Amino acid sequence: GDSVVQTEGEVLLNEGDSLTVNCSYESTGYPSLFWYVQYPGKGPELLLKAMKGNDKGRSNKDFEAIYRTETTSFHLEKGSVRESDSAMYFCALSDTVTGTAGGAEHKL
């Protein structure tokens, strides 16, 4: 079935460091891809999304991810992290044909 695999465990960074959180997907079709963020004490919220191959998802917090069909990846990137970025990050997909969804989590 459809699934995503992402960087596991905590990543410790200094303020100003660059961040990449890897996310690869397996799908029989062309799913929509999402990154969610969950800040301490809050519920998950959508960070960014890409609906088709080669789309670039961007957030208002300077995160971005490119939907790369050739490498089946959707890596989350930010050029300079802040202390306020400390959170759990979830990569997820949605198959628009079958309606199935999968995800994995990552704590920064």
N, C-alpha and C. Protein backbone atom coordinates (compact mmCIF):
# COMPACT_ATOMS: atom_id res chain seq x y z
N GLY A 1 0.81 -1.20 0.00
CA GLY A 1 0.00 0.00 0.00
C GLY A 1 0.84 1.25 0.00
N ASP A 2 0.19 2.39 0.06
CA ASP A 2 0.88 3.67 0.09
C ASP A 2 1.46 3.94 1.47
N SER A 3 2.64 4.54 1.52
CA SER A 3 3.28 4.82 2.81
C SER A 3 4.34 5.90 2.65
N VAL A 4 4.75 6.47 3.79
CA VAL A 4 5.86 7.40 3.83
C VAL A 4 6.87 6.93 4.87
N VAL A 5 8.14 7.24 4.64
CA VAL A 5 9.22 6.97 5.59
C VAL A 5 9.99 8.26 5.75
N GLN A 6 10.25 8.66 6.99
CA GLN A 6 10.96 9.91 7.21
C GLN A 6 12.06 9.75 8.25
N THR A 7 12.90 10.76 8.37
CA THR A 7 13.96 10.80 9.38
C THR A 7 13.36 10.48 10.74
N GLU A 8 14.02 9.59 11.47
CA GLU A 8 13.51 9.19 12.78
C GLU A 8 14.28 9.85 13.90
N GLY A 9 13.61 9.99 15.05
CA GLY A 9 14.27 10.48 16.25
C GLY A 9 14.44 11.98 16.28
N GLU A 10 15.11 12.44 17.33
CA GLU A 10 15.33 13.87 17.51
C GLU A 10 16.51 14.36 16.71
N VAL A 11 16.41 15.57 16.24
CA VAL A 11 17.53 16.26 15.61
C VAL A 11 17.83 17.49 16.45
N LEU A 12 19.07 17.61 16.91
CA LEU A 12 19.47 18.74 17.73
C LEU A 12 20.26 19.72 16.89
N LEU A 13 19.80 20.97 16.85
CA LEU A 13 20.43 22.00 16.04
C LEU A 13 20.63 23.26 16.86
N ASN A 14 21.57 24.06 16.43
CA ASN A 14 21.74 25.39 17.01
C ASN A 14 20.91 26.39 16.21
N GLU A 15 20.49 27.44 16.86
CA GLU A 15 19.75 28.49 16.17
C GLU A 15 20.59 29.00 15.01
N GLY A 16 19.97 29.13 13.84
CA GLY A 16 20.68 29.57 12.65
C GLY A 16 21.16 28.45 11.76
N ASP A 17 21.16 27.20 12.28
CA ASP A 17 21.56 26.05 11.45
C ASP A 17 20.49 25.78 10.38
N SER A 18 20.91 25.12 9.31
CA SER A 18 19.95 24.68 8.30
C SER A 18 19.38 23.32 8.69
N LEU A 19 18.18 23.05 8.21
CA LEU A 19 17.47 21.83 8.56
C LEU A 19 17.00 21.12 7.30
N THR A 20 17.19 19.81 7.26
CA THR A 20 16.54 18.95 6.27
C THR A 20 15.98 17.75 7.01
N VAL A 21 14.68 17.52 6.85
CA VAL A 21 14.05 16.32 7.38
C VAL A 21 13.60 15.50 6.17
N ASN A 22 14.19 14.33 6.01
CA ASN A 22 13.92 13.51 4.83
C ASN A 22 12.54 12.85 4.91
N CYS A 23 11.88 12.80 3.78
CA CYS A 23 10.62 12.07 3.66
C CYS A 23 10.58 11.43 2.28
N SER A 24 10.45 10.12 2.25
CA SER A 24 10.29 9.38 0.99
C SER A 24 8.94 8.69 1.03
N TYR A 25 8.35 8.49 -0.13
CA TYR A 25 7.03 7.88 -0.17
C TYR A 25 7.00 6.72 -1.16
N GLU A 26 6.07 5.82 -0.91
CA GLU A 26 5.77 4.75 -1.85
C GLU A 26 4.29 4.84 -2.17
N SER A 27 3.98 4.83 -3.45
CA SER A 27 2.58 4.94 -3.86
C SER A 27 2.41 4.34 -5.24
N THR A 28 1.26 3.75 -5.45
CA THR A 28 0.95 3.21 -6.77
C THR A 28 0.50 4.31 -7.73
N GLY A 29 0.16 5.47 -7.19
CA GLY A 29 -0.31 6.57 -8.03
C GLY A 29 0.50 7.83 -7.78
N TYR A 30 -0.17 8.95 -7.83
CA TYR A 30 0.46 10.26 -7.62
C TYR A 30 -0.26 10.96 -6.47
N PRO A 31 0.17 10.69 -5.24
CA PRO A 31 -0.55 11.20 -4.09
C PRO A 31 -0.30 12.70 -3.86
N SER A 32 -1.16 13.31 -3.07
CA SER A 32 -0.86 14.62 -2.52
C SER A 32 0.03 14.41 -1.29
N LEU A 33 0.99 15.31 -1.08
CA LEU A 33 1.95 15.16 0.01
C LEU A 33 1.84 16.36 0.96
N PHE A 34 2.06 16.10 2.24
CA PHE A 34 1.84 17.10 3.28
C PHE A 34 2.94 17.04 4.34
N TRP A 35 3.24 18.17 4.92
CA TRP A 35 4.00 18.24 6.18
C TRP A 35 3.11 18.91 7.22
N TYR A 36 2.99 18.26 8.38
CA TYR A 36 2.28 18.84 9.52
C TYR A 36 3.29 19.16 10.61
N VAL A 37 2.95 20.12 11.45
CA VAL A 37 3.79 20.47 12.59
C VAL A 37 2.93 20.44 13.84
N GLN A 38 3.52 19.96 14.93
CA GLN A 38 2.83 19.96 16.22
C GLN A 38 3.73 20.60 17.27
N TYR A 39 3.34 21.79 17.70
CA TYR A 39 4.09 22.51 18.71
C TYR A 39 3.72 21.99 20.09
N PRO A 40 4.63 22.10 21.07
CA PRO A 40 4.37 21.55 22.41
C PRO A 40 3.03 22.05 22.98
N GLY A 41 2.21 21.10 23.44
CA GLY A 41 0.94 21.43 24.06
C GLY A 41 -0.17 21.78 23.10
N LYS A 42 0.08 21.63 21.78
CA LYS A 42 -0.92 21.99 20.77
C LYS A 42 -1.22 20.77 19.89
N GLY A 43 -2.27 20.90 19.09
CA GLY A 43 -2.61 19.85 18.14
C GLY A 43 -1.84 20.03 16.84
N PRO A 44 -1.79 18.99 16.00
CA PRO A 44 -1.10 19.11 14.70
C PRO A 44 -1.77 20.15 13.81
N GLU A 45 -0.97 20.86 13.02
CA GLU A 45 -1.51 21.80 12.04
C GLU A 45 -0.74 21.66 10.74
N LEU A 46 -1.41 21.94 9.65
CA LEU A 46 -0.79 21.82 8.34
C LEU A 46 0.31 22.87 8.19
N LEU A 47 1.51 22.42 7.81
CA LEU A 47 2.63 23.33 7.58
C LEU A 47 2.71 23.70 6.10
N LEU A 48 2.68 22.68 5.23
CA LEU A 48 2.70 22.93 3.79
C LEU A 48 2.24 21.69 3.06
N LYS A 49 1.94 21.84 1.77
CA LYS A 49 1.46 20.72 0.97
C LYS A 49 1.88 20.90 -0.48
N ALA A 50 1.87 19.80 -1.22
CA ALA A 50 2.10 19.81 -2.67
C ALA A 50 1.14 18.80 -3.27
N MET A 51 0.42 19.23 -4.29
CA MET A 51 -0.64 18.41 -4.83
C MET A 51 -0.21 17.57 -6.03
N LYS A 52 0.91 17.93 -6.67
CA LYS A 52 1.36 17.15 -7.83
C LYS A 52 2.88 17.25 -7.97
N GLY A 53 3.43 16.35 -8.80
CA GLY A 53 4.86 16.27 -8.98
C GLY A 53 5.50 17.59 -9.37
N ASN A 54 6.66 17.86 -8.78
CA ASN A 54 7.47 19.05 -9.01
C ASN A 54 6.89 20.33 -8.41
N ASP A 55 5.76 20.21 -7.71
CA ASP A 55 5.26 21.35 -6.94
C ASP A 55 6.21 21.64 -5.79
N LYS A 56 6.32 22.91 -5.43
CA LYS A 56 7.07 23.30 -4.24
C LYS A 56 6.10 23.80 -3.19
N GLY A 57 6.06 23.11 -2.05
CA GLY A 57 5.24 23.57 -0.93
C GLY A 57 6.04 24.57 -0.12
N ARG A 58 5.40 25.67 0.26
CA ARG A 58 6.06 26.70 1.07
C ARG A 58 5.17 27.06 2.25
N SER A 59 5.81 27.40 3.37
CA SER A 59 5.06 27.85 4.53
C SER A 59 5.43 29.30 4.84
N ASN A 60 4.59 29.95 5.65
CA ASN A 60 4.90 31.32 6.05
C ASN A 60 5.99 31.39 7.11
N LYS A 61 6.53 30.22 7.50
CA LYS A 61 7.63 30.17 8.46
C LYS A 61 8.95 29.80 7.78
N ASP A 62 9.00 29.99 6.46
CA ASP A 62 10.22 29.79 5.67
C ASP A 62 10.62 28.33 5.49
N PHE A 63 9.71 27.41 5.73
CA PHE A 63 9.94 26.01 5.37
C PHE A 63 9.53 25.80 3.93
N GLU A 64 10.18 24.83 3.27
CA GLU A 64 9.73 24.44 1.94
C GLU A 64 10.04 22.97 1.70
N ALA A 65 9.32 22.39 0.76
CA ALA A 65 9.53 21.00 0.36
C ALA A 65 9.12 20.86 -1.10
N ILE A 66 9.94 20.15 -1.86
CA ILE A 66 9.66 19.95 -3.28
C ILE A 66 9.23 18.50 -3.51
N TYR A 67 8.12 18.34 -4.18
CA TYR A 67 7.56 17.03 -4.51
C TYR A 67 8.34 16.50 -5.71
N ARG A 68 9.27 15.59 -5.44
CA ARG A 68 10.13 15.05 -6.50
C ARG A 68 9.68 13.62 -6.86
N THR A 69 9.04 13.52 -8.01
CA THR A 69 8.54 12.20 -8.42
C THR A 69 9.68 11.26 -8.82
N GLU A 70 10.78 11.81 -9.34
CA GLU A 70 11.87 10.94 -9.81
C GLU A 70 12.59 10.26 -8.66
N THR A 71 12.61 10.88 -7.49
CA THR A 71 13.23 10.27 -6.32
C THR A 71 12.19 9.90 -5.26
N THR A 72 10.92 10.02 -5.58
CA THR A 72 9.80 9.78 -4.66
C THR A 72 10.09 10.37 -3.28
N SER A 73 10.43 11.66 -3.26
CA SER A 73 10.80 12.32 -2.01
C SER A 73 10.07 13.64 -1.85
N PHE A 74 9.99 14.08 -0.58
CA PHE A 74 9.33 15.34 -0.23
C PHE A 74 10.02 15.87 1.03
N HIS A 75 11.32 16.17 0.90
CA HIS A 75 12.13 16.55 2.05
C HIS A 75 11.78 17.96 2.52
N LEU A 76 11.64 18.11 3.82
CA LEU A 76 11.35 19.40 4.43
C LEU A 76 12.66 20.14 4.69
N GLU A 77 12.73 21.39 4.27
CA GLU A 77 13.97 22.15 4.41
C GLU A 77 13.70 23.54 4.96
N LYS A 78 14.66 24.04 5.73
CA LYS A 78 14.65 25.43 6.18
C LYS A 78 16.09 25.89 6.28
N GLY A 79 16.35 27.07 5.78
CA GLY A 79 17.73 27.56 5.71
C GLY A 79 18.31 27.98 7.04
N SER A 80 17.47 28.43 7.96
CA SER A 80 17.97 28.94 9.25
C SER A 80 16.87 28.73 10.30
N VAL A 81 17.09 27.77 11.21
CA VAL A 81 16.07 27.45 12.20
C VAL A 81 16.12 28.42 13.37
N ARG A 82 14.97 28.53 14.03
CA ARG A 82 14.84 29.34 15.24
C ARG A 82 14.41 28.44 16.38
N GLU A 83 14.60 28.91 17.59
CA GLU A 83 14.18 28.14 18.76
C GLU A 83 12.68 27.86 18.69
N SER A 84 11.92 28.77 18.12
CA SER A 84 10.46 28.61 18.02
C SER A 84 10.06 27.51 17.03
N ASP A 85 11.00 26.97 16.28
CA ASP A 85 10.72 25.87 15.36
C ASP A 85 10.73 24.51 16.05
N SER A 86 11.08 24.48 17.32
CA SER A 86 11.14 23.21 18.06
C SER A 86 9.75 22.60 18.15
N ALA A 87 9.58 21.42 17.56
CA ALA A 87 8.26 20.81 17.43
C ALA A 87 8.39 19.41 16.86
N MET A 88 7.25 18.72 16.76
CA MET A 88 7.17 17.45 16.04
C MET A 88 6.75 17.75 14.61
N TYR A 89 7.40 17.09 13.65
CA TYR A 89 7.09 17.28 12.23
C TYR A 89 6.65 15.95 11.63
N PHE A 90 5.53 15.96 10.92
CA PHE A 90 4.93 14.76 10.36
C PHE A 90 4.84 14.87 8.85
N CYS A 91 5.35 13.89 8.16
CA CYS A 91 5.17 13.77 6.72
C CYS A 91 3.99 12.84 6.47
N ALA A 92 3.13 13.21 5.53
CA ALA A 92 1.95 12.40 5.26
C ALA A 92 1.60 12.45 3.78
N LEU A 93 0.86 11.45 3.35
CA LEU A 93 0.36 11.45 1.97
C LEU A 93 -1.11 11.11 1.96
N SER A 94 -1.75 11.49 0.89
CA SER A 94 -3.16 11.16 0.68
C SER A 94 -3.34 10.75 -0.77
N ASP A 95 -3.84 9.56 -0.96
CA ASP A 95 -4.14 9.07 -2.31
C ASP A 95 -5.53 9.56 -2.69
N THR A 96 -5.60 10.43 -3.65
CA THR A 96 -6.88 11.05 -4.01
C THR A 96 -7.83 10.06 -4.67
N VAL A 97 -7.30 8.92 -5.13
CA VAL A 97 -8.16 7.92 -5.77
C VAL A 97 -8.83 7.03 -4.72
N THR A 98 -8.02 6.48 -3.79
CA THR A 98 -8.57 5.53 -2.82
C THR A 98 -8.95 6.19 -1.51
N GLY A 99 -8.42 7.39 -1.26
CA GLY A 99 -8.73 8.07 -0.01
C GLY A 99 -7.93 7.58 1.17
N THR A 100 -6.95 6.71 0.97
CA THR A 100 -6.13 6.22 2.07
C THR A 100 -5.09 7.26 2.44
N ALA A 101 -4.58 7.18 3.67
CA ALA A 101 -3.57 8.13 4.13
C ALA A 101 -2.58 7.41 5.03
N GLY A 102 -1.35 7.91 5.05
CA GLY A 102 -0.33 7.36 5.93
C GLY A 102 0.57 8.46 6.39
N GLY A 103 1.31 8.21 7.47
CA GLY A 103 2.20 9.26 7.97
C GLY A 103 3.26 8.70 8.89
N ALA A 104 4.22 9.55 9.21
CA ALA A 104 5.27 9.22 10.17
C ALA A 104 5.60 10.52 10.90
N GLU A 105 6.31 10.41 12.01
CA GLU A 105 6.56 11.60 12.80
C GLU A 105 8.04 11.84 13.03
N HIS A 106 8.35 13.06 13.39
CA HIS A 106 9.74 13.43 13.64
C HIS A 106 9.75 14.59 14.62
N LYS A 107 10.63 14.51 15.60
CA LYS A 107 10.73 15.58 16.59
C LYS A 107 12.01 16.35 16.36
N LEU A 108 11.91 17.66 16.32
CA LEU A 108 13.08 18.53 16.15
C LEU A 108 13.50 19.04 17.50
